[in-house]
């Protein structure tokens, strides 16, 4: 049981440090990725290697309703990551 806890703690620490390296949400911590985006990967296939493993874990936690497990990470990071580009003053959308 102690080995499992240590492995889970190590995985969570790695999840906290990992940022999405590509795509629409490049630079966003993987724990702040939208569940719908992760669901797309679950259907199409996750990346190979450690990134894919961590994305699977995050997706499963979000699908199981355990997103609150990432709240402490968000608090340490200063809050949720903004996923939309901030508008500049007087910028219009077309």
C-alpha atoms as a PDB file:
ATOM      1  CA  UNK A   1       0.000   0.000   0.000  1.00  0.00           C
ATOM      2  CA  UNK A   2       2.849   2.403   0.778  1.00  0.00           C
ATOM      3  CA  UNK A   3       4.346   1.735  -2.649  1.00  0.00           C
ATOM      4  CA  UNK A   4       1.016   2.616  -4.296  1.00  0.00           C
ATOM      5  CA  UNK A   5       0.736   5.874  -2.326  1.00  0.00           C
ATOM      6  CA  UNK A   6       4.303   6.835  -3.183  1.00  0.00           C
ATOM      7  CA  UNK A   7       3.683   6.132  -6.877  1.00  0.00           C
ATOM      8  CA  UNK A   8       0.439   8.119  -6.837  1.00  0.00           C
ATOM      9  CA  UNK A   9       2.138  11.059  -5.095  1.00  0.00           C
ATOM     10  CA  UNK A  10       4.919  10.986  -7.689  1.00  0.00           C
ATOM     11  CA  UNK A  11       2.351  10.904 -10.524  1.00  0.00           C
ATOM     12  CA  UNK A  12       0.449  13.864  -9.051  1.00  0.00           C
ATOM     13  CA  UNK A  13       3.689  15.828  -8.640  1.00  0.00           C
ATOM     14  CA  UNK A  14       4.496  15.145 -12.284  1.00  0.00           C
ATOM     15  CA  UNK A  15       0.978  16.156 -13.350  1.00  0.00           C
ATOM     16  CA  UNK A  16       1.425  19.439 -11.487  1.00  0.00           C
ATOM     17  CA  UNK A  17       4.636  20.232 -13.400  1.00  0.00           C
ATOM     18  CA  UNK A  18       3.544  19.062 -16.886  1.00  0.00           C
ATOM     19  CA  UNK A  19       2.271  21.595 -19.393  1.00  0.00           C
ATOM     20  CA  UNK A  20       0.647  20.781 -22.691  1.00  0.00           C
ATOM     21  CA  UNK A  21       3.511  20.957 -25.211  1.00  0.00           C
ATOM     22  CA  UNK A  22       1.437  21.360 -28.393  1.00  0.00           C
ATOM     23  CA  UNK A  23      -1.920  22.250 -29.867  1.00  0.00           C
ATOM     24  CA  UNK A  24      -4.605  24.749 -29.017  1.00  0.00           C
ATOM     25  CA  UNK A  25      -3.789  24.670 -25.301  1.00  0.00           C
ATOM     26  CA  UNK A  26      -0.004  24.744 -25.594  1.00  0.00           C
ATOM     27  CA  UNK A  27       1.543  25.878 -22.300  1.00  0.00           C
ATOM     28  CA  UNK A  28      -1.537  25.119 -20.180  1.00  0.00           C
ATOM     29  CA  UNK A  29      -1.008  22.839 -17.173  1.00  0.00           C
ATOM     30  CA  UNK A  30      -2.504  19.464 -18.072  1.00  0.00           C
ATOM     31  CA  UNK A  31      -4.715  19.476 -14.968  1.00  0.00           C
ATOM     32  CA  UNK A  32      -6.470  22.596 -16.323  1.00  0.00           C
ATOM     33  CA  UNK A  33      -7.215  21.146 -19.769  1.00  0.00           C
ATOM     34  CA  UNK A  34     -10.950  20.928 -20.504  1.00  0.00           C
ATOM     35  CA  UNK A  35     -12.473  17.467 -20.063  1.00  0.00           C
ATOM     36  CA  UNK A  36     -13.851  17.657 -23.615  1.00  0.00           C
ATOM     37  CA  UNK A  37     -10.340  18.153 -24.999  1.00  0.00           C
ATOM     38  CA  UNK A  38      -9.102  15.147 -23.036  1.00  0.00           C
ATOM     39  CA  UNK A  39     -12.107  13.142 -24.186  1.00  0.00           C
ATOM     40  CA  UNK A  40     -11.085  13.824 -27.791  1.00  0.00           C
ATOM     41  CA  UNK A  41      -7.710  12.218 -27.046  1.00  0.00           C
ATOM     42  CA  UNK A  42      -9.393   9.273 -25.346  1.00  0.00           C
ATOM     43  CA  UNK A  43     -11.309   8.610 -28.575  1.00  0.00           C
ATOM     44  CA  UNK A  44      -8.489   9.346 -31.042  1.00  0.00           C
ATOM     45  CA  UNK A  45      -5.641   8.026 -28.908  1.00  0.00           C
ATOM     46  CA  UNK A  46      -3.416   9.637 -26.321  1.00  0.00           C
ATOM     47  CA  UNK A  47       0.159  10.629 -27.075  1.00  0.00           C
ATOM     48  CA  UNK A  48       2.805   7.974 -26.669  1.00  0.00           C
ATOM     49  CA  UNK A  49       5.088   8.005 -23.650  1.00  0.00           C
ATOM     50  CA  UNK A  50       4.770   9.661 -20.287  1.00  0.00           C
ATOM     51  CA  UNK A  51       2.672  12.595 -21.530  1.00  0.00           C
ATOM     52  CA  UNK A  52      -0.003  10.204 -22.773  1.00  0.00           C
ATOM     53  CA  UNK A  53      -0.007   8.308 -19.473  1.00  0.00           C
ATOM     54  CA  UNK A  54      -0.435  11.507 -17.472  1.00  0.00           C
ATOM     55  CA  UNK A  55      -3.179  12.791 -19.793  1.00  0.00           C
ATOM     56  CA  UNK A  56      -5.028   9.481 -19.308  1.00  0.00           C
ATOM     57  CA  UNK A  57      -4.798   9.882 -15.537  1.00  0.00           C
ATOM     58  CA  UNK A  58      -6.076  13.460 -15.642  1.00  0.00           C
ATOM     59  CA  UNK A  59      -8.911  12.496 -17.980  1.00  0.00           C
ATOM     60  CA  UNK A  60      -9.959   9.576 -15.783  1.00  0.00           C
ATOM     61  CA  UNK A  61      -9.943  11.751 -12.669  1.00  0.00           C
ATOM     62  CA  UNK A  62     -12.051  14.411 -14.379  1.00  0.00           C
ATOM     63  CA  UNK A  63     -14.439  11.792 -15.813  1.00  0.00           C
ATOM     64  CA  UNK A  64     -14.852  10.299 -12.331  1.00  0.00           C
ATOM     65  CA  UNK A  65     -15.687  13.708 -10.859  1.00  0.00           C
ATOM     66  CA  UNK A  66     -12.412  14.073  -8.964  1.00  0.00           C
ATOM     67  CA  UNK A  67     -11.373  17.408 -10.510  1.00  0.00           C
ATOM     68  CA  UNK A  68     -11.214  18.824  -6.971  1.00  0.00           C
ATOM     69  CA  UNK A  69      -8.002  16.790  -6.509  1.00  0.00           C
ATOM     70  CA  UNK A  70      -6.309  19.493  -8.585  1.00  0.00           C
ATOM     71  CA  UNK A  71      -7.560  22.413  -6.469  1.00  0.00           C
ATOM     72  CA  UNK A  72      -4.421  22.529  -4.325  1.00  0.00           C
ATOM     73  CA  UNK A  73      -2.275  22.608  -7.471  1.00  0.00           C
ATOM     74  CA  UNK A  74      -4.369  25.480  -8.814  1.00  0.00           C
ATOM     75  CA  UNK A  75      -4.055  27.344  -5.516  1.00  0.00           C
ATOM     76  CA  UNK A  76      -0.258  27.015  -5.594  1.00  0.00           C
ATOM     77  CA  UNK A  77      -0.246  28.208  -9.226  1.00  0.00           C
ATOM     78  CA  UNK A  78      -2.378  31.265  -8.433  1.00  0.00           C
ATOM     79  CA  UNK A  79      -5.720  29.995  -9.734  1.00  0.00           C
ATOM     80  CA  UNK A  80      -7.137  28.367 -12.833  1.00  0.00           C
ATOM     81  CA  UNK A  81      -5.346  28.981 -16.088  1.00  0.00           C
ATOM     82  CA  UNK A  82      -7.241  31.254 -18.463  1.00  0.00           C
ATOM     83  CA  UNK A  83      -7.979  29.262 -21.601  1.00  0.00           C
ATOM     84  CA  UNK A  84      -9.200  32.162 -23.698  1.00  0.00           C
ATOM     85  CA  UNK A  85      -7.077  34.950 -25.043  1.00  0.00           C
ATOM     86  CA  UNK A  86      -7.592  38.207 -23.190  1.00  0.00           C
ATOM     87  CA  UNK A  87      -9.086  40.969 -25.291  1.00  0.00           C
ATOM     88  CA  UNK A  88      -7.199  44.187 -25.659  1.00  0.00           C
ATOM     89  CA  UNK A  89      -9.097  47.376 -24.894  1.00  0.00           C
ATOM     90  CA  UNK A  90     -11.329  48.416 -27.779  1.00  0.00           C
ATOM     91  CA  UNK A  91     -10.765  45.177 -29.635  1.00  0.00           C
ATOM     92  CA  UNK A  92     -13.777  44.017 -31.555  1.00  0.00           C
ATOM     93  CA  UNK A  93     -14.736  40.439 -32.347  1.00  0.00           C
ATOM     94  CA  UNK A  94     -15.907  39.619 -35.830  1.00  0.00           C
END
